[in-house]
Amino acid sequence: MKHSVCVLGGGSFGTALANIMAKNGHQVSQWMRNEEQVEEINLTGLNSRYLPNAPLHRELLATSNLEQAIRDSDTVFVSIPSKSFEQVVQRIEPWLTADKILISTTKGFNPNRFELMSDILRRNPITQKIGVLSGPNLAKEIAAGQMTGSVIASVDDQVRRRVIELLKSPTFRVYENKDSAGVELAGALKNIYAIVCGLAKALKVGENTMAMILTRSLAEMSRFAVHFGANPMTFLGLAGMGDLIATCTSPLSRNYRVGFAIGSGENLEDAVGGIGEVAEGVNTLKMVVDEAHKHGLYMPLAEGLSKLLFENATLESLIGSMMTGEQKWDVEFATNEENNNV
């Protein structure tokens, strides 16, 4: 069945998704504010700012007419940076209908309060057909046709089926999950630890150290998320472990590049400005550390990174906090009896 789809946002991931759906024969419009970017995509078939080496399908139509893009679509992918997400969702509300499906692809929190992107979507009074798409989805690899797996999370069967139908292709596979909280929290939290790993890599730490950082990052992420209602098993899948590995080990990851730049001697402002795209981990870090303190959650890596970025602490102190902290158990959610018997 042919669907009409709108992708909100002109960045790399939104463009990669829009291109897949256009290739799949769906009617796809991609909304963005920048008129020059709209004109370039429609005239040349390229989004040179974000995906310069990825020709776009001729049926993909860029537009700056938000009302028409929403009215003409049955499914809306919101691929807007977290700082602008709430504003754009409020703008589209007058044109929503009860049958429209809303999918968030943004990995972060509302910068104004501790709130996920799906929570912002759910505040609209018109449609509750809402899902979250997340996973190890480096946009440049998707655009290049590299095989990629992603996760659509929603309690609504129709939402999950729709996204799979829109995006499935020989190079892009979508798996299902009902744990929206876990999938979304995993996508938001892993950006913090990608910065840590970029820092560590710039300082040429050993592979044992990198393995320990990755594993304890996963423990911190799941500890935090489970406190807020997530299923710990979600973190063993693509949205958790898969996305963490991709984001924490690849120079294509914006957050990894920020960490690497800082580890190479740049200050935070220059590191963020140098990549030319939003690094959600910086925006996420302060909020997550504040929430961890508020709820008594043990997160030494996140807290150490916060001190490093905002209080001039050293990377050595960050790693030291992991080595000397109080946490005893390796497997985060095993019971005490199980641990005592191991």
C-alpha atoms as a PDB file:
ATOM      1  CA  MET A   1       0.000   0.000   0.000  1.00  0.00           C
ATOM      2  CA  LYS A   2       1.278   3.435  -0.918  1.00  0.00           C
ATOM      3  CA  HIS A   3       1.388   5.909   1.967  1.00  0.00           C
ATOM      4  CA  SER A   4       1.849   9.660   2.157  1.00  0.00           C
ATOM      5  CA  VAL A   5       4.604  10.586   4.575  1.00  0.00           C
ATOM      6  CA  CYS A   6       6.055  13.791   5.949  1.00  0.00           C
ATOM      7  CA  VAL A   7       9.521  13.985   7.494  1.00  0.00           C
ATOM      8  CA  LEU A   8      10.009  17.084   9.623  1.00  0.00           C
ATOM      9  CA  GLY A   9      13.626  18.234   9.595  1.00  0.00           C
ATOM     10  CA  GLY A  10      16.367  18.702   7.028  1.00  0.00           C
ATOM     11  CA  GLY A  11      19.183  16.935   8.892  1.00  0.00           C
ATOM     12  CA  SER A  12      21.101  13.812   7.951  1.00  0.00           C
ATOM     13  CA  PHE A  13      18.937  11.152   9.610  1.00  0.00           C
ATOM     14  CA  GLY A  14      15.617  12.628   8.508  1.00  0.00           C
ATOM     15  CA  THR A  15      16.927  12.886   4.948  1.00  0.00           C
ATOM     16  CA  ALA A  16      18.179   9.280   4.981  1.00  0.00           C
ATOM     17  CA  LEU A  17      14.785   8.018   6.183  1.00  0.00           C
ATOM     18  CA  ALA A  18      12.886  10.135   3.668  1.00  0.00           C
ATOM     19  CA  ASN A  19      15.047   8.740   0.886  1.00  0.00           C
ATOM     20  CA  ILE A  20      14.390   5.114   1.883  1.00  0.00           C
ATOM     21  CA  MET A  21      10.633   5.690   1.922  1.00  0.00           C
ATOM     22  CA  ALA A  22      10.684   7.471  -1.434  1.00  0.00           C
ATOM     23  CA  LYS A  23      12.636   4.566  -2.931  1.00  0.00           C
ATOM     24  CA  ASN A  24       9.992   2.236  -1.492  1.00  0.00           C
ATOM     25  CA  GLY A  25       7.367   3.976  -3.610  1.00  0.00           C
ATOM     26  CA  HIS A  26       5.700   6.098  -0.950  1.00  0.00           C
ATOM     27  CA  GLN A  27       4.781   9.753  -1.421  1.00  0.00           C
ATOM     28  CA  VAL A  28       7.300  11.603   0.740  1.00  0.00           C
ATOM     29  CA  SER A  29       7.649  15.279   1.557  1.00  0.00           C
ATOM     30  CA  GLN A  30      10.489  16.610   3.714  1.00  0.00           C
ATOM     31  CA  TRP A  31       9.827  19.854   5.521  1.00  0.00           C
ATOM     32  CA  MET A  32      12.602  22.260   6.459  1.00  0.00           C
ATOM     33  CA  ARG A  33      12.839  25.960   7.266  1.00  0.00           C
ATOM     34  CA  ASN A  34      15.770  26.750   4.982  1.00  0.00           C
ATOM     35  CA  GLU A  35      14.481  27.791   1.549  1.00  0.00           C
ATOM     36  CA  GLU A  36      17.909  27.368  -0.056  1.00  0.00           C
ATOM     37  CA  GLN A  37      18.080  23.801   1.217  1.00  0.00           C
ATOM     38  CA  VAL A  38      14.567  23.127  -0.139  1.00  0.00           C
ATOM     39  CA  GLU A  39      15.533  24.487  -3.544  1.00  0.00           C
ATOM     40  CA  GLU A  40      18.779  22.527  -3.654  1.00  0.00           C
ATOM     41  CA  ILE A  41      17.093  19.200  -2.877  1.00  0.00           C
ATOM     42  CA  ASN A  42      14.328  19.748  -5.432  1.00  0.00           C
ATOM     43  CA  LEU A  43      16.631  20.969  -8.199  1.00  0.00           C
ATOM     44  CA  THR A  44      19.746  18.847  -7.696  1.00  0.00           C
ATOM     45  CA  GLY A  45      18.602  15.842  -5.651  1.00  0.00           C
ATOM     46  CA  LEU A  46      21.238  16.524  -3.005  1.00  0.00           C
ATOM     47  CA  ASN A  47      21.287  17.672   0.618  1.00  0.00           C
ATOM     48  CA  SER A  48      24.869  18.919   0.388  1.00  0.00           C
ATOM     49  CA  ARG A  49      25.081  20.247   3.939  1.00  0.00           C
ATOM     50  CA  TYR A  50      24.304  16.951   5.676  1.00  0.00           C
ATOM     51  CA  LEU A  51      24.605  14.142   3.098  1.00  0.00           C
ATOM     52  CA  PRO A  52      26.792  15.552   0.302  1.00  0.00           C
ATOM     53  CA  ASN A  53      27.584  12.181  -1.289  1.00  0.00           C
ATOM     54  CA  ALA A  54      24.079  10.688  -1.282  1.00  0.00           C
ATOM     55  CA  PRO A  55      21.884  11.272  -4.336  1.00  0.00           C
ATOM     56  CA  LEU A  56      18.215  11.474  -3.322  1.00  0.00           C
ATOM     57  CA  HIS A  57      15.292   9.766  -5.027  1.00  0.00           C
ATOM     58  CA  ARG A  58      13.568  11.934  -7.612  1.00  0.00           C
ATOM     59  CA  GLU A  59      10.169  11.454  -5.903  1.00  0.00           C
ATOM     60  CA  LEU A  60      11.390  12.961  -2.616  1.00  0.00           C
ATOM     61  CA  LEU A  61       9.947  16.482  -2.444  1.00  0.00           C
ATOM     62  CA  ALA A  62      11.394  19.096  -0.099  1.00  0.00           C
ATOM     63  CA  THR A  63       9.055  21.845   1.101  1.00  0.00           C
ATOM     64  CA  SER A  64       8.872  24.816   3.455  1.00  0.00           C
ATOM     65  CA  ASN A  65       5.053  24.685   3.550  1.00  0.00           C
ATOM     66  CA  LEU A  66       4.437  23.037   6.917  1.00  0.00           C
ATOM     67  CA  GLU A  67       0.641  23.062   6.768  1.00  0.00           C
ATOM     68  CA  GLN A  68       0.453  21.331   3.405  1.00  0.00           C
ATOM     69  CA  ALA A  69       3.089  18.767   4.389  1.00  0.00           C
ATOM     70  CA  ILE A  70       1.106  17.751   7.488  1.00  0.00           C
ATOM     71  CA  ARG A  71      -2.344  17.845   5.874  1.00  0.00           C
ATOM     72  CA  ASP A  72      -1.211  15.636   2.980  1.00  0.00           C
ATOM     73  CA  SER A  73       0.431  12.942   5.140  1.00  0.00           C
ATOM     74  CA  ASP A  74      -0.865   9.904   7.000  1.00  0.00           C
ATOM     75  CA  THR A  75       2.431   9.402   8.867  1.00  0.00           C
ATOM     76  CA  VAL A  76       4.722  12.097  10.282  1.00  0.00           C
ATOM     77  CA  PHE A  77       8.347  11.465  11.282  1.00  0.00           C
ATOM     78  CA  VAL A  78       9.603  14.199  13.613  1.00  0.00           C
ATOM     79  CA  SER A  79      13.378  14.461  13.065  1.00  0.00           C
ATOM     80  CA  ILE A  80      13.902  17.815  14.759  1.00  0.00           C
ATOM     81  CA  PRO A  81      16.739  18.558  17.253  1.00  0.00           C
ATOM     82  CA  SER A  82      15.528  18.410  20.846  1.00  0.00           C
ATOM     83  CA  LYS A  83      15.862  22.166  21.404  1.00  0.00           C
ATOM     84  CA  SER A  84      13.281  22.896  18.660  1.00  0.00           C
ATOM     85  CA  PHE A  85      11.164  19.744  18.918  1.00  0.00           C
ATOM     86  CA  GLU A  86       8.458  21.109  21.223  1.00  0.00           C
ATOM     87  CA  GLN A  87       8.013  24.293  19.187  1.00  0.00           C
ATOM     88  CA  VAL A  88       7.563  22.421  15.896  1.00  0.00           C
ATOM     89  CA  VAL A  89       5.136  19.901  17.413  1.00  0.00           C
ATOM     90  CA  GLN A  90       3.021  22.764  18.760  1.00  0.00           C
ATOM     91  CA  ARG A  91       2.977  24.307  15.273  1.00  0.00           C
ATOM     92  CA  ILE A  92       1.637  21.165  13.580  1.00  0.00           C
ATOM     93  CA  GLU A  93      -1.145  20.516  16.114  1.00  0.00           C
ATOM     94  CA  PRO A  94      -3.879  22.439  14.188  1.00  0.00           C
ATOM     95  CA  TRP A  95      -3.479  20.099  11.202  1.00  0.00           C
ATOM     96  CA  LEU A  96      -3.365  16.775  13.036  1.00  0.00           C
ATOM     97  CA  THR A  97      -6.206  14.262  12.781  1.00  0.00           C
ATOM     98  CA  ALA A  98      -7.025  11.226  14.917  1.00  0.00           C
ATOM     99  CA  ASP A  99      -5.742   8.779  12.302  1.00  0.00           C
ATOM    100  CA  LYS A 100      -2.319  10.388  11.763  1.00  0.00           C
ATOM    101  CA  ILE A 101       0.691   8.480  13.086  1.00  0.00           C
ATOM    102  CA  LEU A 102       3.501  10.446  14.781  1.00  0.00           C
ATOM    103  CA  ILE A 103       7.009   8.982  15.040  1.00  0.00           C
ATOM    104  CA  SER A 104       9.878  10.578  16.955  1.00  0.00           C
ATOM    105  CA  THR A 105      13.413   9.913  15.718  1.00  0.00           C
ATOM    106  CA  THR A 106      15.090  12.447  18.040  1.00  0.00           C
ATOM    107  CA  LYS A 107      17.459  11.086  20.681  1.00  0.00           C
ATOM    108  CA  GLY A 108      17.375  13.533  23.552  1.00  0.00           C
ATOM    109  CA  PHE A 109      15.339  15.300  26.225  1.00  0.00           C
ATOM    110  CA  ASN A 110      13.315  18.480  26.213  1.00  0.00           C
ATOM    111  CA  PRO A 111      15.943  21.083  27.207  1.00  0.00           C
ATOM    112  CA  ASN A 112      13.320  22.954  29.268  1.00  0.00           C
ATOM    113  CA  ARG A 113      12.334  20.044  31.535  1.00  0.00           C
ATOM    114  CA  PHE A 114      12.984  16.346  32.100  1.00  0.00           C
ATOM    115  CA  GLU A 115      10.741  15.063  29.329  1.00  0.00           C
ATOM    116  CA  LEU A 116      11.216  12.699  26.397  1.00  0.00           C
ATOM    117  CA  MET A 117      10.262  13.572  22.833  1.00  0.00           C
ATOM    118  CA  SER A 118       7.402  11.056  22.870  1.00  0.00           C
ATOM    119  CA  ASP A 119       5.995  12.808  25.956  1.00  0.00           C
ATOM    120  CA  ILE A 120       5.861  16.022  23.926  1.00  0.00           C
ATOM    121  CA  LEU A 121       4.041  14.183  21.131  1.00  0.00           C
ATOM    122  CA  ARG A 122       1.533  12.688  23.592  1.00  0.00           C
ATOM    123  CA  ARG A 123       0.529  16.106  24.876  1.00  0.00           C
ATOM    124  CA  ASN A 124      -1.388  16.764  21.673  1.00  0.00           C
ATOM    125  CA  PRO A 125      -5.142  16.135  22.243  1.00  0.00           C
ATOM    126  CA  ILE A 126      -5.859  14.749  18.782  1.00  0.00           C
ATOM    127  CA  THR A 127      -3.885  11.572  18.045  1.00  0.00           C
ATOM    128  CA  GLN A 128      -2.238   9.044  20.325  1.00  0.00           C
ATOM    129  CA  LYS A 129      -0.865   6.894  17.501  1.00  0.00           C
ATOM    130  CA  ILE A 130       2.705   7.520  18.595  1.00  0.00           C
ATOM    131  CA  GLY A 131       5.984   5.639  18.220  1.00  0.00           C
ATOM    132  CA  VAL A 132       9.733   5.978  18.690  1.00  0.00           C
ATOM    133  CA  LEU A 133      12.366   4.944  16.137  1.00  0.00           C
ATOM    134  CA  SER A 134      15.853   4.326  17.491  1.00  0.00           C
ATOM    135  CA  GLY A 135      18.914   2.149  17.047  1.00  0.00           C
ATOM    136  CA  PRO A 136      22.491   2.133  15.695  1.00  0.00           C
ATOM    137  CA  ASN A 137      21.527   4.388  12.802  1.00  0.00           C
ATOM    138  CA  LEU A 138      24.492   6.446  11.596  1.00  0.00           C
ATOM    139  CA  ALA A 139      22.901   8.453   8.807  1.00  0.00           C
ATOM    140  CA  LYS A 140      25.842   8.525   6.411  1.00  0.00           C
ATOM    141  CA  GLU A 141      26.040   4.723   6.435  1.00  0.00           C
ATOM    142  CA  ILE A 142      22.284   4.424   5.861  1.00  0.00           C
ATOM    143  CA  ALA A 143      22.507   6.833   2.941  1.00  0.00           C
ATOM    144  CA  ALA A 144      25.403   4.804   1.497  1.00  0.00           C
ATOM    145  CA  GLY A 145      23.294   1.635   1.546  1.00  0.00           C
ATOM    146  CA  GLN A 146      25.102  -0.087   4.412  1.00  0.00           C
ATOM    147  CA  MET A 147      22.967  -2.735   6.141  1.00  0.00           C
ATOM    148  CA  THR A 148      21.267  -1.242   9.172  1.00  0.00           C
ATOM    149  CA  GLY A 149      18.886  -2.409  11.901  1.00  0.00           C
ATOM    150  CA  SER A 150      16.526  -0.151  13.815  1.00  0.00           C
ATOM    151  CA  VAL A 151      13.747  -0.499  16.405  1.00  0.00           C
ATOM    152  CA  ILE A 152      10.218   0.883  16.301  1.00  0.00           C
ATOM    153  CA  ALA A 153       8.733   1.049  19.786  1.00  0.00           C
ATOM    154  CA  SER A 154       5.036   1.583  20.440  1.00  0.00           C
ATOM    155  CA  VAL A 155       2.204  -0.064  22.350  1.00  0.00           C
ATOM    156  CA  ASP A 156       0.083   0.383  19.210  1.00  0.00           C
ATOM    157  CA  ASP A 157       0.335  -2.549  16.783  1.00  0.00           C
ATOM    158  CA  GLN A 158      -0.737  -0.390  13.833  1.00  0.00           C
ATOM    159  CA  VAL A 159       2.057   2.103  14.483  1.00  0.00           C
ATOM    160  CA  ARG A 160       4.707  -0.611  14.520  1.00  0.00           C
ATOM    161  CA  ARG A 161       3.345  -2.271  11.390  1.00  0.00           C
ATOM    162  CA  ARG A 162       3.173   1.047   9.526  1.00  0.00           C
ATOM    163  CA  VAL A 163       6.789   1.974  10.226  1.00  0.00           C
ATOM    164  CA  ILE A 164       8.021  -1.472   9.215  1.00  0.00           C
ATOM    165  CA  GLU A 165       6.019  -1.218   5.982  1.00  0.00           C
ATOM    166  CA  LEU A 166       7.422   2.231   5.206  1.00  0.00           C
ATOM    167  CA  LEU A 167      11.076   1.536   5.924  1.00  0.00           C
ATOM    168  CA  LYS A 168      11.791  -2.135   5.257  1.00  0.00           C
ATOM    169  CA  SER A 169      14.261  -2.573   2.413  1.00  0.00           C
ATOM    170  CA  PRO A 170      17.193  -4.811   1.429  1.00  0.00           C
ATOM    171  CA  THR A 171      19.503  -2.609   3.513  1.00  0.00           C
ATOM    172  CA  PHE A 172      17.254  -1.344   6.336  1.00  0.00           C
ATOM    173  CA  ARG A 173      15.512  -3.736   8.729  1.00  0.00           C
ATOM    174  CA  VAL A 174      13.112  -2.621  11.466  1.00  0.00           C
ATOM    175  CA  TYR A 175      12.481  -4.698  14.588  1.00  0.00           C
ATOM    176  CA  GLU A 176       9.542  -4.268  16.997  1.00  0.00           C
ATOM    177  CA  ASN A 177       9.437  -3.419  20.692  1.00  0.00           C
ATOM    178  CA  LYS A 178       6.587  -2.331  22.978  1.00  0.00           C
ATOM    179  CA  ASP A 179       8.940  -0.693  25.510  1.00  0.00           C
ATOM    180  CA  SER A 180       8.869   2.894  24.269  1.00  0.00           C
ATOM    181  CA  ALA A 181      10.418   4.226  27.474  1.00  0.00           C
ATOM    182  CA  GLY A 182      13.392   1.874  27.273  1.00  0.00           C
ATOM    183  CA  VAL A 183      14.028   2.399  23.567  1.00  0.00           C
ATOM    184  CA  GLU A 184      13.796   6.170  23.847  1.00  0.00           C
ATOM    185  CA  LEU A 185      15.861   6.452  27.022  1.00  0.00           C
ATOM    186  CA  ALA A 186      18.544   4.234  25.495  1.00  0.00           C
ATOM    187  CA  GLY A 187      18.762   6.516  22.467  1.00  0.00           C
ATOM    188  CA  ALA A 188      19.023   9.633  24.606  1.00  0.00           C
ATOM    189  CA  LEU A 189      21.419   8.342  27.239  1.00  0.00           C
ATOM    190  CA  LYS A 190      24.003   6.690  24.983  1.00  0.00           C
ATOM    191  CA  ASN A 191      25.001  10.123  23.614  1.00  0.00           C
ATOM    192  CA  ILE A 192      26.562  10.945  26.976  1.00  0.00           C
ATOM    193  CA  TYR A 193      28.759   7.866  26.883  1.00  0.00           C
ATOM    194  CA  ALA A 194      29.785   8.452  23.266  1.00  0.00           C
ATOM    195  CA  ILE A 195      31.427  11.666  24.493  1.00  0.00           C
ATOM    196  CA  VAL A 196      33.231   9.699  27.217  1.00  0.00           C
ATOM    197  CA  CYS A 197      34.474   7.150  24.674  1.00  0.00           C
ATOM    198  CA  GLY A 198      35.636   9.848  22.262  1.00  0.00           C
ATOM    199  CA  LEU A 199      37.606  11.454  25.064  1.00  0.00           C
ATOM    200  CA  ALA A 200      39.161   8.152  26.054  1.00  0.00           C
ATOM    201  CA  LYS A 201      40.091   7.269  22.482  1.00  0.00           C
ATOM    202  CA  ALA A 202      41.798  10.624  21.956  1.00  0.00           C
ATOM    203  CA  LEU A 203      43.959   9.888  24.979  1.00  0.00           C
ATOM    204  CA  LYS A 204      44.828   6.444  23.558  1.00  0.00           C
ATOM    205  CA  VAL A 205      43.602   4.378  26.485  1.00  0.00           C
ATOM    206  CA  GLY A 206      43.896   0.609  26.163  1.00  0.00           C
ATOM    207  CA  GLU A 207      41.287  -1.754  24.762  1.00  0.00           C
ATOM    208  CA  ASN A 208      40.635  -3.165  28.243  1.00  0.00           C
ATOM    209  CA  THR A 209      39.761   0.334  29.397  1.00  0.00           C
ATOM    210  CA  MET A 210      37.487   0.945  26.404  1.00  0.00           C
ATOM    211  CA  ALA A 211      35.688  -2.346  27.008  1.00  0.00           C
ATOM    212  CA  MET A 212      35.176  -1.461  30.653  1.00  0.00           C
ATOM    213  CA  ILE A 213      33.863   2.028  29.804  1.00  0.00           C
ATOM    214  CA  LEU A 214      31.387   0.611  27.277  1.00  0.00           C
ATOM    215  CA  THR A 215      30.137  -2.089  29.634  1.00  0.00           C
ATOM    216  CA  ARG A 216      29.749   0.198  32.630  1.00  0.00           C
ATOM    217  CA  SER A 217      28.073   2.774  30.371  1.00  0.00           C
ATOM    218  CA  LEU A 218      25.438   0.176  29.541  1.00  0.00           C
ATOM    219  CA  ALA A 219      24.995  -0.527  33.254  1.00  0.00           C
ATOM    220  CA  GLU A 220      24.494   3.182  34.025  1.00  0.00           C
ATOM    221  CA  MET A 221      22.045   3.645  31.168  1.00  0.00           C
ATOM    222  CA  SER A 222      19.894   0.695  32.159  1.00  0.00           C
ATOM    223  CA  ARG A 223      20.010   1.597  35.871  1.00  0.00           C
ATOM    224  CA  PHE A 224      18.713   5.070  35.090  1.00  0.00           C
ATOM    225  CA  ALA A 225      16.084   3.908  32.599  1.00  0.00           C
ATOM    226  CA  VAL A 226      14.663   1.108  34.733  1.00  0.00           C
ATOM    227  CA  HIS A 227      14.075   3.623  37.518  1.00  0.00           C
ATOM    228  CA  PHE A 228      11.803   5.481  35.088  1.00  0.00           C
ATOM    229  CA  GLY A 229       9.847   2.414  33.994  1.00  0.00           C
ATOM    230  CA  ALA A 230      11.949   0.805  31.254  1.00  0.00           C
ATOM    231  CA  ASN A 231      12.476  -2.925  30.765  1.00  0.00           C
ATOM    232  CA  PRO A 232      16.156  -3.804  31.419  1.00  0.00           C
ATOM    233  CA  MET A 233      16.061  -6.402  28.619  1.00  0.00           C
ATOM    234  CA  THR A 234      15.593  -3.607  26.084  1.00  0.00           C
ATOM    235  CA  PHE A 235      19.204  -2.620  26.702  1.00  0.00           C
ATOM    236  CA  LEU A 236      20.460  -5.934  25.328  1.00  0.00           C
ATOM    237  CA  GLY A 237      18.980  -5.131  21.908  1.00  0.00           C
ATOM    238  CA  LEU A 238      19.672  -2.783  19.023  1.00  0.00           C
ATOM    239  CA  ALA A 239      18.301   0.298  20.783  1.00  0.00           C
ATOM    240  CA  GLY A 240      20.550  -0.309  23.792  1.00  0.00           C
ATOM    241  CA  MET A 241      23.745  -2.254  23.249  1.00  0.00           C
ATOM    242  CA  GLY A 242      23.626  -1.882  19.455  1.00  0.00           C
ATOM    243  CA  ASP A 243      23.305   1.884  19.462  1.00  0.00           C
ATOM    244  CA  LEU A 244      25.846   2.238  22.262  1.00  0.00           C
ATOM    245  CA  ILE A 245      28.493   0.306  20.296  1.00  0.00           C
ATOM    246  CA  ALA A 246      27.904   2.247  17.078  1.00  0.00           C
ATOM    247  CA  THR A 247      27.845   5.652  18.743  1.00  0.00           C
ATOM    248  CA  CYS A 248      30.765   5.035  21.089  1.00  0.00           C
ATOM    249  CA  THR A 249      33.176   3.601  18.521  1.00  0.00           C
ATOM    250  CA  SER A 250      32.547   5.469  15.270  1.00  0.00           C
ATOM    251  CA  PRO A 251      34.005   8.788  14.066  1.00  0.00           C
ATOM    252  CA  LEU A 252      30.686   9.219  12.221  1.00  0.00           C
ATOM    253  CA  SER A 253      29.040   9.785  15.613  1.00  0.00           C
ATOM    254  CA  ARG A 254      28.674  13.487  16.421  1.00  0.00           C
ATOM    255  CA  ASN A 255      28.950  12.918  20.174  1.00  0.00           C
ATOM    256  CA  TYR A 256      32.039  10.725  19.783  1.00  0.00           C
ATOM    257  CA  ARG A 257      33.654  13.463  17.685  1.00  0.00           C
ATOM    258  CA  VAL A 258      32.904  16.065  20.352  1.00  0.00           C
ATOM    259  CA  GLY A 259      34.573  13.876  22.969  1.00  0.00           C
ATOM    260  CA  PHE A 260      37.559  13.186  20.719  1.00  0.00           C
ATOM    261  CA  ALA A 261      38.017  16.903  20.042  1.00  0.00           C
ATOM    262  CA  ILE A 262      37.955  17.705  23.757  1.00  0.00           C
ATOM    263  CA  GLY A 263      40.382  14.869  24.457  1.00  0.00           C
ATOM    264  CA  SER A 264      42.627  16.364  21.776  1.00  0.00           C
ATOM    265  CA  GLY A 265      42.746  19.705  23.581  1.00  0.00           C
ATOM    266  CA  GLU A 266      39.789  21.722  22.264  1.00  0.00           C
ATOM    267  CA  ASN A 267      37.365  23.458  24.596  1.00  0.00           C
ATOM    268  CA  LEU A 268      33.719  22.415  24.670  1.00  0.00           C
ATOM    269  CA  GLU A 269      32.420  25.344  22.623  1.00  0.00           C
ATOM    270  CA  ASP A 270      34.924  24.823  19.794  1.00  0.00           C
ATOM    271  CA  ALA A 271      34.391  21.047  19.822  1.00  0.00           C
ATOM    272  CA  VAL A 272      30.624  21.418  19.454  1.00  0.00           C
ATOM    273  CA  GLY A 273      30.915  24.175  16.839  1.00  0.00           C
ATOM    274  CA  GLY A 274      33.436  22.228  14.805  1.00  0.00           C
ATOM    275  CA  ILE A 275      31.133  19.344  13.884  1.00  0.00           C
ATOM    276  CA  GLY A 276      28.434  21.568  12.337  1.00  0.00           C
ATOM    277  CA  GLU A 277      25.539  19.444  13.652  1.00  0.00           C
ATOM    278  CA  VAL A 278      23.733  19.054  16.961  1.00  0.00           C
ATOM    279  CA  ALA A 279      25.466  16.807  19.526  1.00  0.00           C
ATOM    280  CA  GLU A 280      22.580  15.854  21.789  1.00  0.00           C
ATOM    281  CA  GLY A 281      24.807  14.379  24.495  1.00  0.00           C
ATOM    282  CA  VAL A 282      25.970  17.801  25.682  1.00  0.00           C
ATOM    283  CA  ASN A 283      22.369  18.985  26.079  1.00  0.00           C
ATOM    284  CA  THR A 284      21.412  15.735  27.814  1.00  0.00           C
ATOM    285  CA  LEU A 285      24.242  15.506  30.330  1.00  0.00           C
ATOM    286  CA  LYS A 286      23.305  18.164  32.876  1.00  0.00           C
ATOM    287  CA  MET A 287      19.677  17.064  32.988  1.00  0.00           C
ATOM    288  CA  VAL A 288      20.533  13.395  33.476  1.00  0.00           C
ATOM    289  CA  VAL A 289      23.044  14.119  36.241  1.00  0.00           C
ATOM    290  CA  ASP A 290      20.504  16.357  38.012  1.00  0.00           C
ATOM    291  CA  GLU A 291      17.859  13.621  37.814  1.00  0.00           C
ATOM    292  CA  ALA A 292      20.329  10.994  39.032  1.00  0.00           C
ATOM    293  CA  HIS A 293      21.118  13.141  42.093  1.00  0.00           C
ATOM    294  CA  LYS A 294      17.428  13.763  42.705  1.00  0.00           C
ATOM    295  CA  HIS A 295      16.590  10.051  42.676  1.00  0.00           C
ATOM    296  CA  GLY A 296      19.771   8.712  44.260  1.00  0.00           C
ATOM    297  CA  LEU A 297      20.973   6.881  41.134  1.00  0.00           C
ATOM    298  CA  TYR A 298      24.631   5.865  40.972  1.00  0.00           C
ATOM    299  CA  MET A 299      26.117   7.144  37.677  1.00  0.00           C
ATOM    300  CA  PRO A 300      29.847   7.770  38.108  1.00  0.00           C
ATOM    301  CA  LEU A 301      30.680   8.081  34.405  1.00  0.00           C
ATOM    302  CA  ALA A 302      27.956  10.633  33.689  1.00  0.00           C
ATOM    303  CA  GLU A 303      28.807  12.573  36.832  1.00  0.00           C
ATOM    304  CA  GLY A 304      32.519  12.457  36.033  1.00  0.00           C
ATOM    305  CA  LEU A 305      31.907  13.730  32.496  1.00  0.00           C
ATOM    306  CA  SER A 306      29.775  16.554  33.841  1.00  0.00           C
ATOM    307  CA  LYS A 307      32.589  17.617  36.163  1.00  0.00           C
ATOM    308  CA  LEU A 308      35.078  17.392  33.314  1.00  0.00           C
ATOM    309  CA  LEU A 309      33.024  19.500  30.889  1.00  0.00           C
ATOM    310  CA  PHE A 310      31.595  22.046  33.283  1.00  0.00           C
ATOM    311  CA  GLU A 311      33.926  22.070  36.316  1.00  0.00           C
ATOM    312  CA  ASN A 312      37.362  21.603  34.681  1.00  0.00           C
ATOM    313  CA  ALA A 313      37.999  18.134  36.143  1.00  0.00           C
ATOM    314  CA  THR A 314      40.350  15.712  34.333  1.00  0.00           C
ATOM    315  CA  LEU A 315      39.655  12.529  32.367  1.00  0.00           C
ATOM    316  CA  GLU A 316      41.808  10.661  34.858  1.00  0.00           C
ATOM    317  CA  SER A 317      39.413  11.657  37.627  1.00  0.00           C
ATOM    318  CA  LEU A 318      36.487  10.492  35.488  1.00  0.00           C
ATOM    319  CA  ILE A 319      38.012   7.040  35.036  1.00  0.00           C
ATOM    320  CA  GLY A 320      39.111   7.045  38.654  1.00  0.00           C
ATOM    321  CA  SER A 321      35.537   7.535  39.806  1.00  0.00           C
ATOM    322  CA  MET A 322      34.612   4.366  37.930  1.00  0.00           C
ATOM    323  CA  MET A 323      37.490   2.418  39.489  1.00  0.00           C
ATOM    324  CA  THR A 324      36.920   3.486  43.101  1.00  0.00           C
ATOM    325  CA  GLY A 325      33.121   3.721  43.302  1.00  0.00           C
ATOM    326  CA  GLU A 326      30.875   1.698  45.579  1.00  0.00           C
ATOM    327  CA  GLN A 327      29.018  -0.438  43.006  1.00  0.00           C
ATOM    328  CA  LYS A 328      29.824  -4.151  43.498  1.00  0.00           C
ATOM    329  CA  TRP A 329      27.750  -6.208  41.103  1.00  0.00           C
ATOM    330  CA  ASP A 330      28.727  -6.729  37.484  1.00  0.00           C
ATOM    331  CA  VAL A 331      25.285  -7.785  36.172  1.00  0.00           C
ATOM    332  CA  GLU A 332      23.025  -4.924  37.127  1.00  0.00           C
ATOM    333  CA  PHE A 333      19.680  -6.688  37.592  1.00  0.00           C
ATOM    334  CA  ALA A 334      20.689 -10.041  39.058  1.00  0.00           C
ATOM    335  CA  THR A 335      19.318 -10.561  42.563  1.00  0.00           C
ATOM    336  CA  ASN A 336      21.628 -10.653  45.551  1.00  0.00           C
ATOM    337  CA  GLU A 337      20.969 -14.375  45.959  1.00  0.00           C
ATOM    338  CA  GLU A 338      21.964 -15.038  42.362  1.00  0.00           C
ATOM    339  CA  ASN A 339      25.148 -12.957  42.755  1.00  0.00           C
ATOM    340  CA  ASN A 340      26.045 -14.743  45.991  1.00  0.00           C
ATOM    341  CA  ASN A 341      25.777 -18.097  44.218  1.00  0.00           C
ATOM    342  CA  VAL A 342      28.022 -17.121  41.282  1.00  0.00           C
END
